[in-house]
Amino acid sequence: MAWGHLSYVRRNLVESRRLMVEIGLKWTIWSVERKFFFFRETPLTVWLGGAYIAPQRGRRRRQRQSDASLSY
């Protein structure tokens, strides 16, 4: 009797895991679709500008951090 209960629990675990996988797949597909839509809608100049601005911002932040660590 106890073994029957165990197999029932195991079957439920498998079912819930499958459900989680399905939900995760749906979520990833949805987020990827959203990203692609964003890429397609954004003009190329914005991407080039972001690619140019982002490293500058990162470099400035690193510079500030090194200055702060020197002053301490």
C-alpha atoms as a PDB file:
ATOM      1  CA  MET A   1       0.000   0.000   0.000  1.00  0.00           C
ATOM      2  CA  ALA A   2       2.797   2.414   0.909  1.00  0.00           C
ATOM      3  CA  TRP A   3       4.567   1.585  -2.352  1.00  0.00           C
ATOM      4  CA  GLY A   4       1.462   2.447  -4.339  1.00  0.00           C
ATOM      5  CA  HIS A   5       1.377   5.817  -2.624  1.00  0.00           C
ATOM      6  CA  LEU A   6       5.062   6.370  -3.427  1.00  0.00           C
ATOM      7  CA  SER A   7       4.575   5.656  -7.114  1.00  0.00           C
ATOM      8  CA  TYR A   8       1.605   8.048  -7.102  1.00  0.00           C
ATOM      9  CA  VAL A   9       3.773  10.793  -5.608  1.00  0.00           C
ATOM     10  CA  ARG A  10       6.517  10.065  -8.124  1.00  0.00           C
ATOM     11  CA  ARG A  11       4.036  10.291 -10.998  1.00  0.00           C
ATOM     12  CA  ASN A  12       2.823  13.647  -9.683  1.00  0.00           C
ATOM     13  CA  LEU A  13       6.412  14.896  -9.473  1.00  0.00           C
ATOM     14  CA  VAL A  14       7.006  13.930 -13.095  1.00  0.00           C
ATOM     15  CA  GLU A  15       3.779  15.656 -14.134  1.00  0.00           C
ATOM     16  CA  SER A  16       4.614  18.869 -12.266  1.00  0.00           C
ATOM     17  CA  ARG A  17       8.145  18.836 -13.665  1.00  0.00           C
ATOM     18  CA  ARG A  18       6.778  18.466 -17.192  1.00  0.00           C
ATOM     19  CA  LEU A  19       4.386  21.343 -16.527  1.00  0.00           C
ATOM     20  CA  MET A  20       7.262  23.504 -15.254  1.00  0.00           C
ATOM     21  CA  VAL A  21       9.310  22.700 -18.361  1.00  0.00           C
ATOM     22  CA  GLU A  22       6.383  23.629 -20.601  1.00  0.00           C
ATOM     23  CA  ILE A  23       5.862  26.914 -18.764  1.00  0.00           C
ATOM     24  CA  GLY A  24       9.586  27.676 -18.950  1.00  0.00           C
ATOM     25  CA  LEU A  25       9.667  26.954 -22.678  1.00  0.00           C
ATOM     26  CA  LYS A  26       6.672  29.213 -23.268  1.00  0.00           C
ATOM     27  CA  TRP A  27       8.281  31.963 -21.205  1.00  0.00           C
ATOM     28  CA  THR A  28      11.637  31.761 -23.006  1.00  0.00           C
ATOM     29  CA  ILE A  29       9.970  31.712 -26.429  1.00  0.00           C
ATOM     30  CA  TRP A  30       7.860  34.724 -25.454  1.00  0.00           C
ATOM     31  CA  SER A  31      10.825  36.728 -24.123  1.00  0.00           C
ATOM     32  CA  VAL A  32      12.946  35.873 -27.187  1.00  0.00           C
ATOM     33  CA  GLU A  33      10.091  36.993 -29.441  1.00  0.00           C
ATOM     34  CA  ARG A  34       9.843  40.249 -27.520  1.00  0.00           C
ATOM     35  CA  LYS A  35      13.599  40.842 -27.820  1.00  0.00           C
ATOM     36  CA  PHE A  36      13.548  40.187 -31.557  1.00  0.00           C
ATOM     37  CA  PHE A  37      10.612  42.561 -31.944  1.00  0.00           C
ATOM     38  CA  PHE A  38      12.581  45.198 -30.035  1.00  0.00           C
ATOM     39  CA  PHE A  39      15.653  44.642 -32.227  1.00  0.00           C
ATOM     40  CA  ARG A  40      13.587  44.888 -35.386  1.00  0.00           C
ATOM     41  CA  GLU A  41      11.758  48.050 -34.291  1.00  0.00           C
ATOM     42  CA  THR A  42      14.835  49.940 -33.075  1.00  0.00           C
ATOM     43  CA  PRO A  43      16.706  51.907 -35.745  1.00  0.00           C
ATOM     44  CA  LEU A  44      20.320  51.013 -36.492  1.00  0.00           C
ATOM     45  CA  THR A  45      21.639  54.414 -35.414  1.00  0.00           C
ATOM     46  CA  VAL A  46      20.310  53.842 -31.884  1.00  0.00           C
ATOM     47  CA  TRP A  47      22.168  50.518 -31.664  1.00  0.00           C
ATOM     48  CA  LEU A  48      25.383  52.067 -32.986  1.00  0.00           C
ATOM     49  CA  GLY A  49      25.027  54.947 -30.548  1.00  0.00           C
ATOM     50  CA  GLY A  50      24.418  52.560 -27.659  1.00  0.00           C
ATOM     51  CA  ALA A  51      27.407  50.456 -28.678  1.00  0.00           C
ATOM     52  CA  TYR A  52      29.507  53.621 -28.646  1.00  0.00           C
ATOM     53  CA  ILE A  53      28.129  55.098 -25.410  1.00  0.00           C
ATOM     54  CA  ALA A  54      28.052  51.937 -23.272  1.00  0.00           C
ATOM     55  CA  PRO A  55      31.851  51.276 -23.220  1.00  0.00           C
ATOM     56  CA  GLN A  56      32.507  54.949 -22.420  1.00  0.00           C
ATOM     57  CA  ARG A  57      30.121  54.825 -19.471  1.00  0.00           C
ATOM     58  CA  GLY A  58      31.709  51.602 -18.213  1.00  0.00           C
ATOM     59  CA  ARG A  59      35.210  53.035 -18.535  1.00  0.00           C
ATOM     60  CA  ARG A  60      34.236  56.162 -16.617  1.00  0.00           C
ATOM     61  CA  ARG A  61      32.708  54.078 -13.822  1.00  0.00           C
ATOM     62  CA  ARG A  62      35.856  51.943 -13.586  1.00  0.00           C
ATOM     63  CA  GLN A  63      37.966  55.099 -13.436  1.00  0.00           C
ATOM     64  CA  ARG A  64      35.852  56.453 -10.569  1.00  0.00           C
ATOM     65  CA  GLN A  65      36.123  53.163  -8.702  1.00  0.00           C
ATOM     66  CA  SER A  66      39.913  53.101  -9.007  1.00  0.00           C
ATOM     67  CA  ASP A  67      40.101  56.715  -7.805  1.00  0.00           C
ATOM     68  CA  ALA A  68      37.947  55.855  -4.797  1.00  0.00           C
ATOM     69  CA  SER A  69      40.068  52.821  -3.944  1.00  0.00           C
ATOM     70  CA  LEU A  70      43.239  54.965  -4.139  1.00  0.00           C
ATOM     71  CA  SER A  71      41.828  57.604  -1.775  1.00  0.00           C
ATOM     72  CA  TYR A  72      40.979  55.038   0.948  1.00  0.00           C
END
